[in-house]
N, C-alpha and C. Protein backbone atom coordinates (compact mmCIF):
# COMPACT_ATOMS: atom_id res chain seq x y z
N UNK A 1 49.00 43.92 37.97
CA UNK A 1 48.01 43.14 37.22
C UNK A 1 48.45 41.67 37.23
N UNK A 2 47.55 40.80 37.58
CA UNK A 2 47.85 39.36 37.64
C UNK A 2 47.92 38.79 36.23
N UNK A 3 48.38 37.54 36.15
CA UNK A 3 48.50 36.88 34.85
C UNK A 3 47.15 36.71 34.17
N UNK A 4 46.09 36.21 34.86
CA UNK A 4 44.79 36.11 34.18
C UNK A 4 44.26 37.45 33.70
N UNK A 5 44.47 38.49 34.52
CA UNK A 5 44.00 39.80 34.10
C UNK A 5 44.73 40.28 32.86
N UNK A 6 46.07 40.00 32.82
CA UNK A 6 46.85 40.38 31.65
C UNK A 6 46.38 39.65 30.40
N UNK A 7 46.00 38.35 30.57
CA UNK A 7 45.52 37.56 29.44
C UNK A 7 44.21 38.11 28.89
N UNK A 8 43.31 38.49 29.80
CA UNK A 8 42.04 39.08 29.34
C UNK A 8 42.29 40.41 28.65
N UNK A 9 43.24 41.16 29.13
CA UNK A 9 43.54 42.46 28.52
C UNK A 9 44.11 42.29 27.12
N UNK A 10 44.92 41.22 26.93
CA UNK A 10 45.51 40.99 25.61
C UNK A 10 44.46 40.61 24.56
N UNK A 11 43.31 40.08 25.03
CA UNK A 11 42.26 39.71 24.08
C UNK A 11 41.59 40.90 23.44
N UNK A 12 41.71 42.05 24.07
CA UNK A 12 41.07 43.24 23.54
C UNK A 12 39.60 43.27 23.88
N UNK A 13 38.86 44.22 23.35
CA UNK A 13 37.43 44.32 23.65
C UNK A 13 36.65 43.12 23.10
N UNK A 14 35.81 42.53 23.93
CA UNK A 14 35.01 41.38 23.53
C UNK A 14 33.78 41.83 22.76
N UNK A 15 33.32 41.04 21.79
CA UNK A 15 32.13 41.43 21.03
C UNK A 15 30.88 41.34 21.90
N UNK A 16 29.87 42.08 21.49
CA UNK A 16 28.61 42.03 22.22
C UNK A 16 27.99 40.64 22.06
N UNK A 17 27.04 40.32 22.96
CA UNK A 17 26.43 39.00 22.95
C UNK A 17 25.71 38.73 21.63
N UNK A 18 24.98 39.73 21.09
CA UNK A 18 24.27 39.53 19.83
C UNK A 18 25.23 39.27 18.67
N UNK A 19 26.34 40.01 18.66
CA UNK A 19 27.32 39.83 17.60
C UNK A 19 27.98 38.46 17.70
N UNK A 20 28.24 38.01 18.92
CA UNK A 20 28.84 36.70 19.12
C UNK A 20 27.90 35.59 18.63
N UNK A 21 26.62 35.73 18.94
CA UNK A 21 25.64 34.73 18.52
C UNK A 21 25.51 34.69 17.00
N UNK A 22 25.54 35.86 16.36
CA UNK A 22 25.44 35.90 14.91
C UNK A 22 26.64 35.25 14.25
N UNK A 23 27.84 35.54 14.79
CA UNK A 23 29.03 34.92 14.22
C UNK A 23 28.99 33.40 14.37
N UNK A 24 28.53 32.95 15.53
CA UNK A 24 28.46 31.51 15.76
C UNK A 24 27.47 30.84 14.82
N UNK A 25 26.32 31.53 14.57
CA UNK A 25 25.33 30.97 13.65
C UNK A 25 25.88 30.89 12.24
N UNK A 26 26.64 31.93 11.81
CA UNK A 26 27.22 31.92 10.48
C UNK A 26 28.23 30.79 10.34
N UNK A 27 29.04 30.56 11.40
CA UNK A 27 29.99 29.46 11.34
C UNK A 27 29.28 28.12 11.22
N UNK A 28 28.18 27.98 11.97
CA UNK A 28 27.44 26.72 11.93
C UNK A 28 26.83 26.49 10.55
N UNK A 29 26.33 27.58 9.93
CA UNK A 29 25.74 27.46 8.61
C UNK A 29 26.78 27.05 7.58
N UNK A 30 27.95 27.66 7.63
CA UNK A 30 28.99 27.32 6.68
C UNK A 30 29.54 25.92 6.92
N UNK A 31 29.38 25.44 8.16
CA UNK A 31 29.90 24.11 8.49
C UNK A 31 29.00 23.00 7.97
N UNK A 32 27.77 23.34 7.56
CA UNK A 32 26.86 22.32 7.04
C UNK A 32 27.41 21.75 5.73
N UNK A 33 27.43 20.47 5.66
CA UNK A 33 27.89 19.82 4.45
C UNK A 33 26.71 19.56 3.52
N UNK A 34 27.02 19.08 2.33
CA UNK A 34 25.96 18.75 1.39
C UNK A 34 25.08 17.62 1.92
N UNK A 35 25.69 16.70 2.67
CA UNK A 35 24.90 15.61 3.27
C UNK A 35 23.91 16.15 4.29
N UNK A 36 24.35 17.16 5.08
CA UNK A 36 23.44 17.75 6.06
C UNK A 36 22.26 18.43 5.36
N UNK A 37 22.54 19.16 4.29
CA UNK A 37 21.47 19.82 3.56
C UNK A 37 20.53 18.81 2.91
N UNK A 38 21.10 17.71 2.41
CA UNK A 38 20.25 16.68 1.80
C UNK A 38 19.35 16.02 2.84
N UNK A 39 19.90 15.77 4.03
CA UNK A 39 19.08 15.19 5.10
C UNK A 39 17.97 16.14 5.51
N UNK A 40 18.28 17.43 5.54
CA UNK A 40 17.27 18.42 5.91
C UNK A 40 16.14 18.46 4.88
N UNK A 41 16.50 18.44 3.59
CA UNK A 41 15.48 18.45 2.55
C UNK A 41 14.65 17.17 2.58
N UNK A 42 15.30 16.04 2.86
CA UNK A 42 14.57 14.78 2.93
C UNK A 42 13.59 14.79 4.10
N UNK A 43 14.02 15.35 5.22
CA UNK A 43 13.13 15.43 6.38
C UNK A 43 11.92 16.31 6.09
N UNK A 44 12.14 17.45 5.43
CA UNK A 44 11.02 18.32 5.08
C UNK A 44 10.07 17.62 4.12
N UNK A 45 10.62 16.87 3.16
CA UNK A 45 9.77 16.16 2.21
C UNK A 45 8.96 15.07 2.92
N UNK A 46 9.58 14.38 3.86
CA UNK A 46 8.86 13.34 4.59
C UNK A 46 7.74 13.92 5.45
N UNK A 47 8.01 15.05 6.09
CA UNK A 47 6.97 15.70 6.89
C UNK A 47 5.82 16.16 6.00
N UNK A 48 6.15 16.63 4.82
CA UNK A 48 5.12 17.07 3.87
C UNK A 48 4.30 15.86 3.40
N UNK A 49 4.98 14.75 3.14
CA UNK A 49 4.27 13.54 2.74
C UNK A 49 3.31 13.08 3.84
N UNK A 50 3.77 13.09 5.08
CA UNK A 50 2.93 12.65 6.19
C UNK A 50 1.72 13.56 6.38
N UNK A 51 1.90 14.85 6.14
CA UNK A 51 0.76 15.77 6.25
C UNK A 51 -0.26 15.49 5.16
N UNK A 52 0.21 15.18 3.95
CA UNK A 52 -0.71 14.83 2.87
C UNK A 52 -1.48 13.55 3.21
N UNK A 53 -0.79 12.58 3.81
CA UNK A 53 -1.46 11.35 4.21
C UNK A 53 -2.49 11.62 5.30
N UNK A 54 -2.16 12.49 6.24
CA UNK A 54 -3.10 12.80 7.32
C UNK A 54 -4.36 13.46 6.77
N UNK A 55 -4.19 14.39 5.84
CA UNK A 55 -5.35 15.06 5.26
C UNK A 55 -6.21 14.09 4.46
N UNK A 56 -5.55 13.16 3.78
CA UNK A 56 -6.31 12.17 3.00
C UNK A 56 -7.12 11.26 3.93
N UNK A 57 -6.55 10.92 5.07
CA UNK A 57 -7.25 10.00 5.99
C UNK A 57 -8.41 10.67 6.70
N UNK A 58 -8.42 11.99 6.77
CA UNK A 58 -9.56 12.67 7.39
C UNK A 58 -10.64 12.99 6.36
N UNK A 59 -10.42 12.58 5.11
CA UNK A 59 -11.49 12.69 4.13
C UNK A 59 -11.27 13.63 2.98
N UNK A 60 -10.13 14.33 2.92
CA UNK A 60 -9.90 15.25 1.80
C UNK A 60 -9.52 14.48 0.55
N UNK A 61 -9.96 14.97 -0.59
CA UNK A 61 -9.62 14.35 -1.86
C UNK A 61 -8.22 14.79 -2.28
N UNK A 62 -7.68 14.10 -3.30
CA UNK A 62 -6.37 14.46 -3.82
C UNK A 62 -6.36 15.91 -4.32
N UNK A 63 -7.42 16.28 -5.00
CA UNK A 63 -7.49 17.64 -5.54
C UNK A 63 -7.52 18.68 -4.42
N UNK A 64 -8.26 18.41 -3.35
CA UNK A 64 -8.32 19.34 -2.22
C UNK A 64 -6.97 19.45 -1.53
N UNK A 65 -6.30 18.32 -1.37
CA UNK A 65 -4.97 18.34 -0.74
C UNK A 65 -3.98 19.11 -1.59
N UNK A 66 -4.05 18.92 -2.91
CA UNK A 66 -3.15 19.65 -3.81
C UNK A 66 -3.36 21.15 -3.70
N UNK A 67 -4.62 21.58 -3.63
CA UNK A 67 -4.91 23.01 -3.51
C UNK A 67 -4.46 23.55 -2.16
N UNK A 68 -4.62 22.78 -1.10
CA UNK A 68 -4.30 23.26 0.24
C UNK A 68 -2.80 23.27 0.50
N UNK A 69 -2.07 22.31 -0.04
CA UNK A 69 -0.65 22.19 0.26
C UNK A 69 0.25 22.68 -0.87
N UNK A 70 -0.35 23.07 -1.98
CA UNK A 70 0.45 23.64 -3.06
C UNK A 70 1.08 22.63 -3.99
N UNK A 71 0.52 21.41 -4.06
CA UNK A 71 1.02 20.44 -5.03
C UNK A 71 0.57 20.84 -6.44
N UNK A 72 1.37 20.50 -7.42
CA UNK A 72 1.07 20.91 -8.79
C UNK A 72 -0.05 20.09 -9.41
N UNK A 73 -0.29 18.87 -8.91
CA UNK A 73 -1.33 18.03 -9.49
C UNK A 73 -1.76 16.99 -8.48
N UNK A 74 -2.86 16.33 -8.78
CA UNK A 74 -3.35 15.26 -7.90
C UNK A 74 -2.40 14.06 -7.91
N UNK A 75 -1.74 13.83 -9.03
CA UNK A 75 -0.80 12.70 -9.09
C UNK A 75 0.37 12.91 -8.13
N UNK A 76 0.79 14.17 -7.93
CA UNK A 76 1.84 14.45 -6.96
C UNK A 76 1.39 14.11 -5.55
N UNK A 77 0.14 14.38 -5.25
CA UNK A 77 -0.41 14.04 -3.94
C UNK A 77 -0.43 12.52 -3.78
N UNK A 78 -0.85 11.82 -4.83
CA UNK A 78 -0.87 10.36 -4.77
C UNK A 78 0.53 9.81 -4.49
N UNK A 79 1.55 10.35 -5.14
CA UNK A 79 2.92 9.88 -4.93
C UNK A 79 3.36 10.17 -3.50
N UNK A 80 3.01 11.34 -2.96
CA UNK A 80 3.39 11.69 -1.60
C UNK A 80 2.76 10.74 -0.59
N UNK A 81 1.48 10.44 -0.77
CA UNK A 81 0.78 9.53 0.14
C UNK A 81 1.38 8.13 0.03
N UNK A 82 1.72 7.72 -1.17
CA UNK A 82 2.32 6.40 -1.38
C UNK A 82 3.67 6.32 -0.67
N UNK A 83 4.49 7.37 -0.76
CA UNK A 83 5.78 7.37 -0.06
C UNK A 83 5.59 7.31 1.45
N UNK A 84 4.64 8.07 1.96
CA UNK A 84 4.41 8.09 3.40
C UNK A 84 3.97 6.72 3.91
N UNK A 85 3.12 6.04 3.17
CA UNK A 85 2.65 4.72 3.59
C UNK A 85 3.76 3.68 3.51
N UNK A 86 4.64 3.81 2.53
CA UNK A 86 5.74 2.85 2.41
C UNK A 86 6.75 2.99 3.54
N UNK A 87 6.84 4.19 4.12
CA UNK A 87 7.79 4.39 5.23
C UNK A 87 7.24 3.89 6.56
N UNK A 88 5.97 3.61 6.63
CA UNK A 88 5.37 3.19 7.89
C UNK A 88 5.71 1.74 8.19
N UNK A 89 5.95 1.41 9.46
CA UNK A 89 6.16 -0.01 9.82
C UNK A 89 4.88 -0.80 9.63
N UNK A 90 5.03 -2.12 9.55
CA UNK A 90 3.88 -2.98 9.27
C UNK A 90 2.82 -2.87 10.36
N UNK A 91 3.24 -2.70 11.61
CA UNK A 91 2.27 -2.58 12.70
C UNK A 91 1.39 -1.36 12.50
N UNK A 92 2.00 -0.25 12.08
CA UNK A 92 1.24 0.97 11.86
C UNK A 92 0.27 0.80 10.69
N UNK A 93 0.72 0.12 9.62
CA UNK A 93 -0.17 -0.12 8.49
C UNK A 93 -1.37 -0.96 8.91
N UNK A 94 -1.13 -1.96 9.75
CA UNK A 94 -2.23 -2.80 10.20
C UNK A 94 -3.22 -1.99 11.04
N UNK A 95 -2.70 -1.10 11.88
CA UNK A 95 -3.59 -0.27 12.68
C UNK A 95 -4.41 0.66 11.80
N UNK A 96 -3.81 1.18 10.74
CA UNK A 96 -4.55 2.05 9.83
C UNK A 96 -5.66 1.26 9.12
N UNK A 97 -5.35 0.03 8.76
CA UNK A 97 -6.38 -0.80 8.15
C UNK A 97 -7.53 -1.04 9.11
N UNK A 98 -7.20 -1.27 10.37
CA UNK A 98 -8.25 -1.47 11.36
C UNK A 98 -9.12 -0.22 11.51
N UNK A 99 -8.48 0.94 11.50
CA UNK A 99 -9.23 2.20 11.61
C UNK A 99 -10.16 2.37 10.41
N UNK A 100 -9.65 2.09 9.21
CA UNK A 100 -10.49 2.22 8.02
C UNK A 100 -11.62 1.20 8.03
N UNK A 101 -11.32 -0.01 8.51
CA UNK A 101 -12.36 -1.02 8.57
C UNK A 101 -13.45 -0.63 9.55
N UNK A 102 -13.07 0.03 10.65
CA UNK A 102 -14.07 0.49 11.61
C UNK A 102 -14.99 1.52 10.97
N UNK A 103 -14.43 2.41 10.15
CA UNK A 103 -15.26 3.40 9.46
C UNK A 103 -16.18 2.71 8.44
N UNK A 104 -15.66 1.70 7.75
CA UNK A 104 -16.50 0.97 6.80
C UNK A 104 -17.62 0.22 7.52
N UNK A 105 -17.31 -0.34 8.69
CA UNK A 105 -18.34 -1.04 9.46
C UNK A 105 -19.45 -0.08 9.89
N UNK A 106 -19.06 1.13 10.27
CA UNK A 106 -20.06 2.12 10.65
C UNK A 106 -20.96 2.47 9.47
N UNK A 107 -20.35 2.67 8.30
CA UNK A 107 -21.15 2.95 7.10
C UNK A 107 -22.07 1.78 6.78
N UNK A 108 -21.56 0.57 6.94
CA UNK A 108 -22.38 -0.61 6.64
C UNK A 108 -23.59 -0.68 7.56
N UNK A 109 -23.41 -0.40 8.85
CA UNK A 109 -24.53 -0.46 9.79
C UNK A 109 -25.59 0.59 9.44
N UNK A 110 -25.12 1.79 9.08
CA UNK A 110 -26.08 2.85 8.75
C UNK A 110 -26.85 2.52 7.48
N UNK A 111 -26.18 1.90 6.52
CA UNK A 111 -26.86 1.53 5.28
C UNK A 111 -27.89 0.42 5.53
N UNK A 112 -27.54 -0.51 6.40
CA UNK A 112 -28.50 -1.57 6.74
C UNK A 112 -29.72 -0.98 7.47
N UNK A 113 -29.49 0.05 8.27
CA UNK A 113 -30.62 0.70 8.94
C UNK A 113 -31.58 1.30 7.92
N UNK A 114 -31.02 1.87 6.85
CA UNK A 114 -31.87 2.43 5.79
C UNK A 114 -32.64 1.33 5.09
N UNK A 115 -31.94 0.21 4.82
CA UNK A 115 -32.60 -0.89 4.11
C UNK A 115 -33.70 -1.55 4.95
N UNK A 116 -33.59 -1.46 6.27
CA UNK A 116 -34.59 -2.08 7.15
C UNK A 116 -35.79 -1.17 7.42
N UNK A 117 -35.73 0.06 6.98
CA UNK A 117 -36.85 0.97 7.20
C UNK A 117 -38.04 0.58 6.32
N UNK A 118 -39.19 0.67 6.89
CA UNK A 118 -40.42 0.40 6.17
C UNK A 118 -41.21 1.70 6.01
N UNK A 119 -41.95 1.84 4.93
CA UNK A 119 -42.80 3.03 4.78
C UNK A 119 -43.79 3.09 5.95
N UNK A 120 -44.07 4.27 6.47
CA UNK A 120 -45.02 4.39 7.57
C UNK A 120 -46.40 3.89 7.16
N UNK A 121 -47.17 3.37 8.11
CA UNK A 121 -48.52 2.89 7.78
C UNK A 121 -49.37 4.00 7.17
N UNK A 122 -50.08 3.66 6.12
CA UNK A 122 -50.94 4.62 5.46
C UNK A 122 -50.21 5.67 4.65
N UNK A 123 -48.93 5.41 4.33
CA UNK A 123 -48.15 6.40 3.56
C UNK A 123 -48.68 6.49 2.14
N UNK A 124 -48.58 7.69 1.56
CA UNK A 124 -49.03 7.87 0.18
C UNK A 124 -47.97 7.34 -0.77
N UNK A 125 -48.32 7.34 -2.04
CA UNK A 125 -47.42 6.78 -3.04
C UNK A 125 -46.10 7.55 -3.15
N UNK A 126 -46.14 8.85 -2.94
CA UNK A 126 -44.91 9.65 -3.02
C UNK A 126 -43.93 9.26 -1.92
N UNK A 127 -44.45 9.08 -0.70
CA UNK A 127 -43.59 8.68 0.42
C UNK A 127 -43.03 7.30 0.20
N UNK A 128 -43.88 6.38 -0.28
CA UNK A 128 -43.41 5.03 -0.56
C UNK A 128 -42.32 5.04 -1.63
N UNK A 129 -42.51 5.88 -2.64
CA UNK A 129 -41.49 6.00 -3.68
C UNK A 129 -40.17 6.52 -3.14
N UNK A 130 -40.23 7.49 -2.22
CA UNK A 130 -39.00 8.01 -1.62
C UNK A 130 -38.28 6.93 -0.82
N UNK A 131 -39.04 6.11 -0.09
CA UNK A 131 -38.42 5.03 0.68
C UNK A 131 -37.77 4.02 -0.25
N UNK A 132 -38.45 3.68 -1.34
CA UNK A 132 -37.89 2.73 -2.30
C UNK A 132 -36.62 3.28 -2.94
N UNK A 133 -36.62 4.58 -3.26
CA UNK A 133 -35.40 5.19 -3.81
C UNK A 133 -34.26 5.14 -2.81
N UNK A 134 -34.58 5.36 -1.53
CA UNK A 134 -33.55 5.28 -0.49
C UNK A 134 -33.00 3.87 -0.39
N UNK A 135 -33.87 2.85 -0.56
CA UNK A 135 -33.40 1.47 -0.54
C UNK A 135 -32.40 1.21 -1.67
N UNK A 136 -32.73 1.69 -2.86
CA UNK A 136 -31.87 1.47 -4.02
C UNK A 136 -30.51 2.14 -3.81
N UNK A 137 -30.51 3.39 -3.38
CA UNK A 137 -29.26 4.11 -3.17
C UNK A 137 -28.43 3.46 -2.06
N UNK A 138 -29.10 3.03 -1.00
CA UNK A 138 -28.38 2.38 0.10
C UNK A 138 -27.79 1.05 -0.37
N UNK A 139 -28.53 0.33 -1.21
CA UNK A 139 -28.01 -0.94 -1.72
C UNK A 139 -26.76 -0.74 -2.57
N UNK A 140 -26.79 0.28 -3.44
CA UNK A 140 -25.62 0.56 -4.27
C UNK A 140 -24.43 0.97 -3.40
N UNK A 141 -24.69 1.83 -2.42
CA UNK A 141 -23.61 2.26 -1.52
C UNK A 141 -23.07 1.10 -0.71
N UNK A 142 -23.94 0.18 -0.30
CA UNK A 142 -23.49 -0.97 0.49
C UNK A 142 -22.56 -1.87 -0.32
N UNK A 143 -22.88 -2.05 -1.60
CA UNK A 143 -22.00 -2.84 -2.45
C UNK A 143 -20.63 -2.20 -2.54
N UNK A 144 -20.58 -0.89 -2.66
CA UNK A 144 -19.29 -0.19 -2.74
C UNK A 144 -18.51 -0.33 -1.44
N UNK A 145 -19.20 -0.26 -0.30
CA UNK A 145 -18.53 -0.41 0.99
C UNK A 145 -17.94 -1.82 1.11
N UNK A 146 -18.69 -2.82 0.71
CA UNK A 146 -18.20 -4.19 0.78
C UNK A 146 -17.02 -4.41 -0.17
N UNK A 147 -17.08 -3.80 -1.35
CA UNK A 147 -15.96 -3.91 -2.28
C UNK A 147 -14.71 -3.24 -1.73
N UNK A 148 -14.90 -2.07 -1.09
CA UNK A 148 -13.76 -1.37 -0.49
C UNK A 148 -13.15 -2.20 0.64
N UNK A 149 -13.98 -2.84 1.43
CA UNK A 149 -13.47 -3.68 2.51
C UNK A 149 -12.69 -4.87 1.95
N UNK A 150 -13.19 -5.47 0.87
CA UNK A 150 -12.49 -6.60 0.27
C UNK A 150 -11.13 -6.17 -0.28
N UNK A 151 -11.07 -4.99 -0.91
CA UNK A 151 -9.79 -4.51 -1.42
C UNK A 151 -8.83 -4.18 -0.29
N UNK A 152 -9.37 -3.68 0.81
CA UNK A 152 -8.52 -3.30 1.95
C UNK A 152 -7.75 -4.49 2.49
N UNK A 153 -8.39 -5.64 2.53
CA UNK A 153 -7.78 -6.84 3.09
C UNK A 153 -7.31 -7.82 2.02
N UNK A 154 -7.37 -7.41 0.75
CA UNK A 154 -6.86 -8.26 -0.32
C UNK A 154 -7.67 -9.52 -0.53
N UNK A 155 -9.00 -9.42 -0.37
CA UNK A 155 -9.86 -10.59 -0.49
C UNK A 155 -10.33 -10.82 -1.92
N UNK A 156 -10.16 -9.85 -2.79
CA UNK A 156 -10.61 -10.01 -4.17
C UNK A 156 -9.66 -10.95 -4.91
N UNK A 157 -10.21 -11.91 -5.59
CA UNK A 157 -9.40 -12.82 -6.40
C UNK A 157 -8.96 -12.11 -7.67
N UNK A 158 -7.77 -12.45 -8.16
CA UNK A 158 -7.34 -11.82 -9.43
C UNK A 158 -8.31 -12.12 -10.55
N UNK A 159 -8.57 -11.12 -11.34
CA UNK A 159 -9.50 -11.28 -12.46
C UNK A 159 -8.76 -11.80 -13.68
N UNK A 160 -9.37 -12.79 -14.33
CA UNK A 160 -8.79 -13.34 -15.54
C UNK A 160 -9.43 -12.66 -16.76
N UNK A 161 -8.58 -12.16 -17.60
CA UNK A 161 -9.06 -11.51 -18.82
C UNK A 161 -8.80 -12.44 -20.00
N UNK A 162 -9.85 -12.77 -20.71
CA UNK A 162 -9.74 -13.64 -21.89
C UNK A 162 -9.70 -12.75 -23.13
N UNK A 163 -8.61 -12.80 -23.82
CA UNK A 163 -8.41 -12.00 -25.02
C UNK A 163 -8.55 -12.91 -26.23
N UNK A 164 -9.52 -12.62 -27.06
CA UNK A 164 -9.75 -13.41 -28.26
C UNK A 164 -9.15 -12.69 -29.46
N UNK A 165 -8.22 -13.36 -30.11
CA UNK A 165 -7.57 -12.80 -31.30
C UNK A 165 -8.08 -13.56 -32.51
N UNK A 166 -8.78 -12.90 -33.40
CA UNK A 166 -9.31 -13.61 -34.58
C UNK A 166 -8.18 -14.07 -35.49
N UNK A 167 -8.35 -15.26 -36.01
CA UNK A 167 -7.34 -15.79 -36.93
C UNK A 167 -7.70 -15.38 -38.36
N UNK A 168 -6.72 -14.81 -39.04
CA UNK A 168 -6.93 -14.35 -40.42
C UNK A 168 -6.16 -15.28 -41.34
N UNK A 169 -6.86 -15.90 -42.22
CA UNK A 169 -6.22 -16.84 -43.15
C UNK A 169 -5.44 -16.08 -44.21
N UNK A 170 -4.44 -16.70 -44.80
CA UNK A 170 -3.69 -16.03 -45.89
C UNK A 170 -4.58 -15.63 -47.05
N UNK A 171 -5.62 -16.46 -47.34
CA UNK A 171 -6.50 -16.12 -48.44
C UNK A 171 -7.28 -14.84 -48.15
N UNK A 172 -7.80 -14.72 -46.90
CA UNK A 172 -8.55 -13.52 -46.52
C UNK A 172 -7.66 -12.30 -46.55
N UNK A 173 -6.40 -12.46 -46.11
CA UNK A 173 -5.47 -11.33 -46.12
C UNK A 173 -5.15 -10.90 -47.54
N UNK A 174 -4.99 -11.87 -48.45
CA UNK A 174 -4.71 -11.53 -49.85
C UNK A 174 -5.90 -10.84 -50.49
N UNK A 175 -7.13 -11.28 -50.17
CA UNK A 175 -8.33 -10.66 -50.72
C UNK A 175 -8.46 -9.23 -50.22
N UNK A 176 -8.16 -9.03 -48.92
CA UNK A 176 -8.24 -7.66 -48.38
C UNK A 176 -7.20 -6.76 -49.03
N UNK A 177 -6.01 -7.30 -49.27
CA UNK A 177 -4.97 -6.50 -49.91
C UNK A 177 -5.37 -6.12 -51.32
N UNK A 178 -5.99 -7.06 -52.03
CA UNK A 178 -6.44 -6.79 -53.40
C UNK A 178 -7.51 -5.71 -53.41
N UNK A 179 -8.43 -5.78 -52.43
CA UNK A 179 -9.49 -4.78 -52.34
C UNK A 179 -8.90 -3.40 -52.01
N UNK A 180 -7.90 -3.36 -51.12
CA UNK A 180 -7.26 -2.10 -50.75
C UNK A 180 -6.52 -1.51 -51.94
N UNK A 181 -5.84 -2.35 -52.71
CA UNK A 181 -5.14 -1.86 -53.90
C UNK A 181 -6.12 -1.25 -54.89
N UNK A 182 -7.29 -1.86 -55.05
CA UNK A 182 -8.29 -1.35 -55.99
C UNK A 182 -8.81 0.00 -55.53
N UNK A 183 -9.05 0.15 -54.22
CA UNK A 183 -9.54 1.42 -53.70
C UNK A 183 -8.49 2.52 -53.87
N UNK A 184 -7.23 2.18 -53.68
CA UNK A 184 -6.17 3.17 -53.86
C UNK A 184 -6.03 3.55 -55.33
N UNK A 185 -6.23 2.58 -56.21
CA UNK A 185 -6.13 2.87 -57.64
C UNK A 185 -7.23 3.81 -58.07
N UNK A 186 -8.44 3.67 -57.50
CA UNK A 186 -9.53 4.59 -57.81
C UNK A 186 -9.20 6.01 -57.34
N UNK A 187 -8.39 6.11 -56.31
CA UNK A 187 -7.98 7.43 -55.80
C UNK A 187 -6.80 8.00 -56.57
N UNK A 188 -6.32 7.25 -57.58
CA UNK A 188 -5.21 7.74 -58.38
C UNK A 188 -3.85 7.33 -57.86
N UNK A 189 -3.83 6.35 -56.99
CA UNK A 189 -2.56 5.90 -56.42
C UNK A 189 -2.29 4.49 -56.95
N UNK A 190 -1.25 4.36 -57.76
CA UNK A 190 -0.88 3.07 -58.33
C UNK A 190 0.16 2.42 -57.43
N UNK A 191 -0.27 1.46 -56.65
CA UNK A 191 0.64 0.83 -55.70
C UNK A 191 1.60 -0.13 -56.38
N UNK A 192 1.32 -0.48 -57.64
CA UNK A 192 2.22 -1.43 -58.33
C UNK A 192 3.59 -0.84 -58.56
N UNK A 193 3.64 0.50 -58.62
CA UNK A 193 4.93 1.15 -58.83
C UNK A 193 5.73 1.32 -57.54
N UNK A 194 5.09 1.04 -56.42
CA UNK A 194 5.78 1.19 -55.12
C UNK A 194 6.58 -0.06 -54.81
N UNK A 195 7.68 0.07 -54.09
CA UNK A 195 8.48 -1.12 -53.74
C UNK A 195 7.71 -2.01 -52.78
N UNK A 196 7.84 -3.32 -52.98
CA UNK A 196 7.18 -4.27 -52.09
C UNK A 196 8.00 -4.45 -50.82
N UNK A 197 7.45 -5.23 -49.90
CA UNK A 197 8.18 -5.51 -48.66
C UNK A 197 9.47 -6.25 -48.95
N UNK A 198 9.41 -7.20 -49.91
CA UNK A 198 10.61 -7.95 -50.26
C UNK A 198 11.68 -7.03 -50.84
N UNK A 199 11.24 -6.04 -51.68
CA UNK A 199 12.20 -5.10 -52.25
C UNK A 199 12.88 -4.29 -51.15
N UNK A 200 12.10 -3.88 -50.15
CA UNK A 200 12.68 -3.10 -49.06
C UNK A 200 13.65 -3.92 -48.23
N UNK A 201 13.33 -5.20 -48.01
CA UNK A 201 14.24 -6.06 -47.27
C UNK A 201 15.55 -6.26 -48.02
N UNK A 202 15.45 -6.43 -49.35
CA UNK A 202 16.66 -6.60 -50.16
C UNK A 202 17.50 -5.32 -50.10
N UNK A 203 16.82 -4.17 -50.11
CA UNK A 203 17.55 -2.90 -50.03
C UNK A 203 18.27 -2.75 -48.69
N UNK A 204 17.61 -3.18 -47.62
CA UNK A 204 18.23 -3.09 -46.30
C UNK A 204 19.42 -4.04 -46.19
N UNK A 205 19.31 -5.21 -46.77
CA UNK A 205 20.43 -6.15 -46.71
C UNK A 205 21.62 -5.63 -47.52
N UNK A 206 21.32 -4.94 -48.62
CA UNK A 206 22.39 -4.40 -49.44
C UNK A 206 23.18 -3.32 -48.71
N UNK A 207 22.50 -2.61 -47.82
CA UNK A 207 23.19 -1.58 -47.07
C UNK A 207 24.14 -2.17 -46.02
């Protein structure tokens, strides 16, 4: 027996191919670190986010996506879509905006076609009324399309909210307090026996 043959003989019986593959897979699994598992979970989450974004772009609502993909709520779908969009490069975001704008342009053209339709000659009042109703609905839809396009490209100017705070004079506040005390007294509640704000402040300082 040659030296190589003796070496193979010393190894003993070799495991079957299936057993060898199973052992190797078990070693690979145990060799995974926590970082490897975290990367795997992150990759699955990103793929899930991208699928939610794809479904939303083909027209599904948040609620439909949640039911189809097993999200617990529509807000979870919103968060997933937001994460997917934030991971996209700027070039991809611009292309998506162009795609959405193309769809809005198509809707706009179809709505204008409805607005340009005239009632057929000799149409009765019912037909004319249906055409007028179609004009109104198309006009409302057109406004929404234009608003969506403006939001898509950030064309809407920030809205200023004017908040008016009425000024209450000390005299008015004292009169209201006197009226409130009288109403409480009619209910059997004597507020004069209760500590005032000044009394409570003195008590807090004493502590």
